[in-house]
Amino acid sequence: MNVGERVASAFALVVLLLIGALALFGPAGVVAWGEDAALLEAHGKRIAELRETKAALENRVRLLDPDNVDPDLGSELVRHNLGVMRPDEYVIELDMAEKTAGN
């Protein structure tokens, strides 16, 4: 083998090693797949939480329809926002986390 062929072979080997390194450690490499899978799982959980929140908000909007307000929710909001209550009533306020933990 002459010098030109050795240089070409060495260059080809370097290029192949570089391609192999990128296949393992590059932005779309094998190592990145594991990170992407973990990110995908985390985003999937967040999407599920947001869908639950959206469903709860849609239900609340439906109950607060101006043409047909749910009497219980309307009474609750008036009592909470205006502080209106009868003398024989007691008010026990719960955090939203406590409400959802009880379900």
N, C-alpha and C. Protein backbone atom coordinates (compact mmCIF):
# COMPACT_ATOMS: atom_id res chain seq x y z
N MET A 1 0.84 -1.16 0.00
CA MET A 1 0.00 0.00 0.00
C MET A 1 0.89 1.24 0.00
N ASN A 2 0.56 2.17 -0.85
CA ASN A 2 1.37 3.39 -0.88
C ASN A 2 0.81 4.42 0.11
N VAL A 3 1.46 5.54 0.21
CA VAL A 3 1.12 6.57 1.20
C VAL A 3 -0.28 7.12 0.95
N GLY A 4 -0.66 7.33 -0.29
CA GLY A 4 -1.98 7.87 -0.62
C GLY A 4 -3.10 6.95 -0.18
N GLU A 5 -2.88 5.64 -0.38
CA GLU A 5 -3.92 4.68 0.04
C GLU A 5 -4.02 4.62 1.56
N ARG A 6 -2.88 4.73 2.25
CA ARG A 6 -2.90 4.72 3.72
C ARG A 6 -3.63 5.95 4.26
N VAL A 7 -3.37 7.08 3.67
CA VAL A 7 -4.05 8.32 4.10
C VAL A 7 -5.54 8.20 3.84
N ALA A 8 -5.92 7.66 2.69
CA ALA A 8 -7.33 7.49 2.36
C ALA A 8 -7.98 6.50 3.32
N SER A 9 -7.30 5.41 3.63
CA SER A 9 -7.83 4.42 4.58
C SER A 9 -7.97 5.03 5.98
N ALA A 10 -6.97 5.79 6.40
CA ALA A 10 -7.04 6.42 7.72
C ALA A 10 -8.18 7.44 7.77
N PHE A 11 -8.34 8.20 6.71
CA PHE A 11 -9.43 9.17 6.65
C PHE A 11 -10.79 8.47 6.68
N ALA A 12 -10.91 7.37 5.93
CA ALA A 12 -12.16 6.61 5.93
C ALA A 12 -12.45 6.04 7.32
N LEU A 13 -11.41 5.56 8.00
CA LEU A 13 -11.59 5.03 9.35
C LEU A 13 -12.04 6.12 10.31
N VAL A 14 -11.44 7.30 10.22
CA VAL A 14 -11.83 8.43 11.08
C VAL A 14 -13.29 8.82 10.81
N VAL A 15 -13.68 8.85 9.55
CA VAL A 15 -15.06 9.20 9.21
C VAL A 15 -16.02 8.15 9.76
N LEU A 16 -15.69 6.88 9.63
CA LEU A 16 -16.55 5.82 10.17
C LEU A 16 -16.65 5.89 11.69
N LEU A 17 -15.52 6.16 12.36
CA LEU A 17 -15.56 6.31 13.82
C LEU A 17 -16.41 7.51 14.23
N LEU A 18 -16.31 8.59 13.48
CA LEU A 18 -17.12 9.78 13.76
C LEU A 18 -18.61 9.47 13.58
N ILE A 19 -18.96 8.78 12.53
CA ILE A 19 -20.35 8.40 12.29
C ILE A 19 -20.84 7.48 13.40
N GLY A 20 -20.00 6.54 13.80
CA GLY A 20 -20.37 5.64 14.90
C GLY A 20 -20.58 6.39 16.21
N ALA A 21 -19.69 7.35 16.49
CA ALA A 21 -19.83 8.15 17.72
C ALA A 21 -21.12 8.97 17.68
N LEU A 22 -21.43 9.53 16.53
CA LEU A 22 -22.68 10.29 16.41
C LEU A 22 -23.90 9.39 16.55
N ALA A 23 -23.78 8.16 16.04
CA ALA A 23 -24.90 7.22 16.18
C ALA A 23 -25.15 6.86 17.64
N LEU A 24 -24.12 6.87 18.45
CA LEU A 24 -24.28 6.56 19.87
C LEU A 24 -24.60 7.79 20.71
N PHE A 25 -23.86 8.88 20.50
CA PHE A 25 -23.93 10.02 21.40
C PHE A 25 -24.50 11.28 20.78
N GLY A 26 -24.86 11.25 19.53
CA GLY A 26 -25.39 12.44 18.86
C GLY A 26 -26.80 12.80 19.32
N PRO A 27 -27.35 13.87 18.77
CA PRO A 27 -28.68 14.32 19.19
C PRO A 27 -29.79 13.32 18.89
N ALA A 28 -29.59 12.46 17.92
CA ALA A 28 -30.57 11.42 17.61
C ALA A 28 -29.98 10.04 17.86
N GLY A 29 -28.96 9.97 18.69
CA GLY A 29 -28.28 8.71 18.95
C GLY A 29 -28.98 7.85 19.98
N VAL A 30 -28.37 6.71 20.25
CA VAL A 30 -28.94 5.72 21.16
C VAL A 30 -29.08 6.30 22.57
N VAL A 31 -28.11 7.05 23.03
CA VAL A 31 -28.16 7.63 24.37
C VAL A 31 -29.31 8.64 24.46
N ALA A 32 -29.51 9.42 23.42
CA ALA A 32 -30.59 10.42 23.41
C ALA A 32 -31.96 9.77 23.41
N TRP A 33 -32.09 8.56 22.88
CA TRP A 33 -33.39 7.88 22.87
C TRP A 33 -33.90 7.65 24.29
N GLY A 34 -33.01 7.25 25.18
CA GLY A 34 -33.42 7.05 26.57
C GLY A 34 -33.90 8.34 27.21
N GLU A 35 -33.18 9.43 26.95
CA GLU A 35 -33.59 10.73 27.48
C GLU A 35 -34.92 11.15 26.87
N ASP A 36 -35.09 10.92 25.58
CA ASP A 36 -36.34 11.28 24.91
C ASP A 36 -37.51 10.46 25.45
N ALA A 37 -37.27 9.19 25.75
CA ALA A 37 -38.34 8.35 26.29
C ALA A 37 -38.76 8.85 27.67
N ALA A 38 -37.80 9.24 28.49
CA ALA A 38 -38.13 9.78 29.81
C ALA A 38 -38.90 11.09 29.69
N LEU A 39 -38.47 11.94 28.77
CA LEU A 39 -39.17 13.21 28.53
C LEU A 39 -40.59 12.96 28.03
N LEU A 40 -40.74 12.00 27.14
CA LEU A 40 -42.05 11.67 26.60
C LEU A 40 -42.98 11.19 27.70
N GLU A 41 -42.47 10.37 28.60
CA GLU A 41 -43.29 9.87 29.71
C GLU A 41 -43.70 11.02 30.63
N ALA A 42 -42.76 11.91 30.93
CA ALA A 42 -43.08 13.06 31.80
C ALA A 42 -44.11 13.96 31.15
N HIS A 43 -43.96 14.21 29.86
CA HIS A 43 -44.93 15.05 29.15
C HIS A 43 -46.29 14.36 29.08
N GLY A 44 -46.29 13.05 28.93
CA GLY A 44 -47.56 12.31 28.91
C GLY A 44 -48.31 12.44 30.22
N LYS A 45 -47.57 12.37 31.34
CA LYS A 45 -48.20 12.55 32.66
C LYS A 45 -48.75 13.96 32.79
N ARG A 46 -47.98 14.94 32.35
CA ARG A 46 -48.43 16.34 32.44
C ARG A 46 -49.67 16.56 31.59
N ILE A 47 -49.72 15.96 30.41
CA ILE A 47 -50.89 16.08 29.54
C ILE A 47 -52.11 15.46 30.21
N ALA A 48 -51.93 14.32 30.86
CA ALA A 48 -53.05 13.68 31.56
C ALA A 48 -53.57 14.58 32.68
N GLU A 49 -52.66 15.21 33.44
CA GLU A 49 -53.07 16.13 34.50
C GLU A 49 -53.83 17.32 33.93
N LEU A 50 -53.32 17.86 32.82
CA LEU A 50 -53.97 19.01 32.21
C LEU A 50 -55.34 18.65 31.65
N ARG A 51 -55.48 17.44 31.13
CA ARG A 51 -56.80 17.00 30.64
C ARG A 51 -57.80 16.89 31.78
N GLU A 52 -57.35 16.39 32.94
CA GLU A 52 -58.23 16.31 34.10
C GLU A 52 -58.66 17.71 34.55
N THR A 53 -57.70 18.63 34.58
CA THR A 53 -58.01 20.00 34.97
C THR A 53 -58.98 20.63 33.98
N LYS A 54 -58.75 20.37 32.70
CA LYS A 54 -59.63 20.92 31.67
C LYS A 54 -61.04 20.37 31.83
N ALA A 55 -61.16 19.08 32.10
CA ALA A 55 -62.49 18.48 32.27
C ALA A 55 -63.20 19.10 33.48
N ALA A 56 -62.46 19.32 34.57
CA ALA A 56 -63.07 19.94 35.76
C ALA A 56 -63.52 21.36 35.46
N LEU A 57 -62.70 22.11 34.72
CA LEU A 57 -63.07 23.47 34.37
C LEU A 57 -64.26 23.51 33.42
N GLU A 58 -64.29 22.58 32.45
CA GLU A 58 -65.44 22.52 31.54
C GLU A 58 -66.72 22.21 32.30
N ASN A 59 -66.64 21.33 33.29
CA ASN A 59 -67.81 21.01 34.11
C ASN A 59 -68.26 22.24 34.89
N ARG A 60 -67.30 22.97 35.44
CA ARG A 60 -67.65 24.17 36.21
C ARG A 60 -68.28 25.22 35.30
N VAL A 61 -67.77 25.38 34.10
CA VAL A 61 -68.35 26.33 33.14
C VAL A 61 -69.77 25.91 32.80
N ARG A 62 -69.97 24.61 32.61
CA ARG A 62 -71.31 24.11 32.30
C ARG A 62 -72.27 24.40 33.45
N LEU A 63 -71.80 24.22 34.68
CA LEU A 63 -72.65 24.48 35.85
C LEU A 63 -72.93 25.97 36.05
N LEU A 64 -72.05 26.83 35.53
CA LEU A 64 -72.23 28.27 35.67
C LEU A 64 -72.85 28.91 34.44
N ASP A 65 -73.48 28.14 33.60
CA ASP A 65 -74.15 28.67 32.41
C ASP A 65 -75.13 29.76 32.84
N PRO A 66 -75.02 30.97 32.29
CA PRO A 66 -75.88 32.07 32.73
C PRO A 66 -77.38 31.79 32.57
N ASP A 67 -77.73 30.97 31.60
CA ASP A 67 -79.15 30.67 31.38
C ASP A 67 -79.67 29.61 32.33
N ASN A 68 -78.78 28.80 32.90
CA ASN A 68 -79.23 27.70 33.75
C ASN A 68 -78.14 27.38 34.79
N VAL A 69 -77.98 28.25 35.77
CA VAL A 69 -76.95 28.06 36.80
C VAL A 69 -77.38 26.95 37.75
N ASP A 70 -76.43 26.09 38.09
CA ASP A 70 -76.69 25.05 39.08
C ASP A 70 -76.97 25.72 40.43
N PRO A 71 -78.11 25.44 41.05
CA PRO A 71 -78.47 26.14 42.29
C PRO A 71 -77.46 25.93 43.43
N ASP A 72 -76.94 24.73 43.56
CA ASP A 72 -75.97 24.47 44.64
C ASP A 72 -74.69 25.27 44.44
N LEU A 73 -74.17 25.26 43.20
CA LEU A 73 -72.93 25.98 42.93
C LEU A 73 -73.16 27.48 43.05
N GLY A 74 -74.29 27.97 42.55
CA GLY A 74 -74.60 29.39 42.67
C GLY A 74 -74.67 29.82 44.13
N SER A 75 -75.33 29.02 44.95
CA SER A 75 -75.43 29.31 46.37
C SER A 75 -74.05 29.30 47.03
N GLU A 76 -73.24 28.31 46.66
CA GLU A 76 -71.89 28.21 47.22
C GLU A 76 -71.06 29.44 46.87
N LEU A 77 -71.12 29.87 45.61
CA LEU A 77 -70.33 31.03 45.18
C LEU A 77 -70.81 32.31 45.87
N VAL A 78 -72.12 32.49 45.96
CA VAL A 78 -72.64 33.69 46.62
C VAL A 78 -72.21 33.70 48.08
N ARG A 79 -72.34 32.58 48.75
CA ARG A 79 -71.97 32.52 50.16
C ARG A 79 -70.47 32.75 50.35
N HIS A 80 -69.67 32.19 49.47
CA HIS A 80 -68.22 32.33 49.61
C HIS A 80 -67.76 33.75 49.28
N ASN A 81 -68.21 34.27 48.14
CA ASN A 81 -67.73 35.58 47.68
C ASN A 81 -68.32 36.74 48.47
N LEU A 82 -69.56 36.63 48.89
CA LEU A 82 -70.21 37.73 49.60
C LEU A 82 -70.23 37.53 51.11
N GLY A 83 -69.86 36.35 51.56
CA GLY A 83 -69.85 36.07 52.99
C GLY A 83 -71.25 35.99 53.58
N VAL A 84 -72.24 35.63 52.75
CA VAL A 84 -73.62 35.56 53.20
C VAL A 84 -73.89 34.16 53.73
N MET A 85 -74.45 34.08 54.95
CA MET A 85 -74.83 32.79 55.50
C MET A 85 -75.88 32.99 56.59
N ARG A 86 -76.59 31.93 56.86
CA ARG A 86 -77.61 31.99 57.91
C ARG A 86 -76.93 31.82 59.27
N PRO A 87 -77.59 32.27 60.34
CA PRO A 87 -76.98 32.17 61.67
C PRO A 87 -76.75 30.73 62.13
N ASP A 88 -77.53 29.78 61.60
CA ASP A 88 -77.38 28.40 62.05
C ASP A 88 -76.42 27.59 61.18
N GLU A 89 -75.67 28.24 60.31
CA GLU A 89 -74.75 27.54 59.40
C GLU A 89 -73.31 27.68 59.89
N TYR A 90 -72.52 26.66 59.56
CA TYR A 90 -71.08 26.68 59.81
C TYR A 90 -70.38 26.55 58.48
N VAL A 91 -69.27 27.24 58.31
CA VAL A 91 -68.50 27.19 57.07
C VAL A 91 -67.19 26.48 57.35
N ILE A 92 -66.94 25.43 56.59
CA ILE A 92 -65.68 24.70 56.68
C ILE A 92 -65.02 24.79 55.31
N GLU A 93 -63.91 25.51 55.22
CA GLU A 93 -63.24 25.69 53.94
C GLU A 93 -62.15 24.64 53.78
N LEU A 94 -62.11 24.05 52.59
CA LEU A 94 -61.10 23.05 52.26
C LEU A 94 -60.25 23.56 51.12
N ASP A 95 -58.96 23.23 51.15
CA ASP A 95 -58.11 23.53 50.01
C ASP A 95 -58.48 22.61 48.87
N MET A 96 -58.15 23.02 47.64
CA MET A 96 -58.44 22.20 46.48
C MET A 96 -57.72 20.86 46.56
N ALA A 97 -56.51 20.84 47.14
CA ALA A 97 -55.75 19.59 47.27
C ALA A 97 -56.48 18.63 48.20
N GLU A 98 -57.08 19.15 49.26
CA GLU A 98 -57.81 18.29 50.18
C GLU A 98 -59.07 17.75 49.53
N LYS A 99 -59.72 18.57 48.70
CA LYS A 99 -60.94 18.12 48.02
C LYS A 99 -60.63 16.97 47.07
N THR A 100 -59.55 17.10 46.30
CA THR A 100 -59.22 16.06 45.34
C THR A 100 -58.65 14.83 46.03
N ALA A 101 -58.00 14.99 47.18
CA ALA A 101 -57.45 13.84 47.89
C ALA A 101 -58.56 12.98 48.46
N GLY A 102 -59.68 13.58 48.77
CA GLY A 102 -60.80 12.83 49.33
C GLY A 102 -61.53 12.00 48.30
N ASN A 103 -61.35 12.29 47.02
CA ASN A 103 -62.05 11.55 45.95
C ASN A 103 -61.36 10.28 45.61
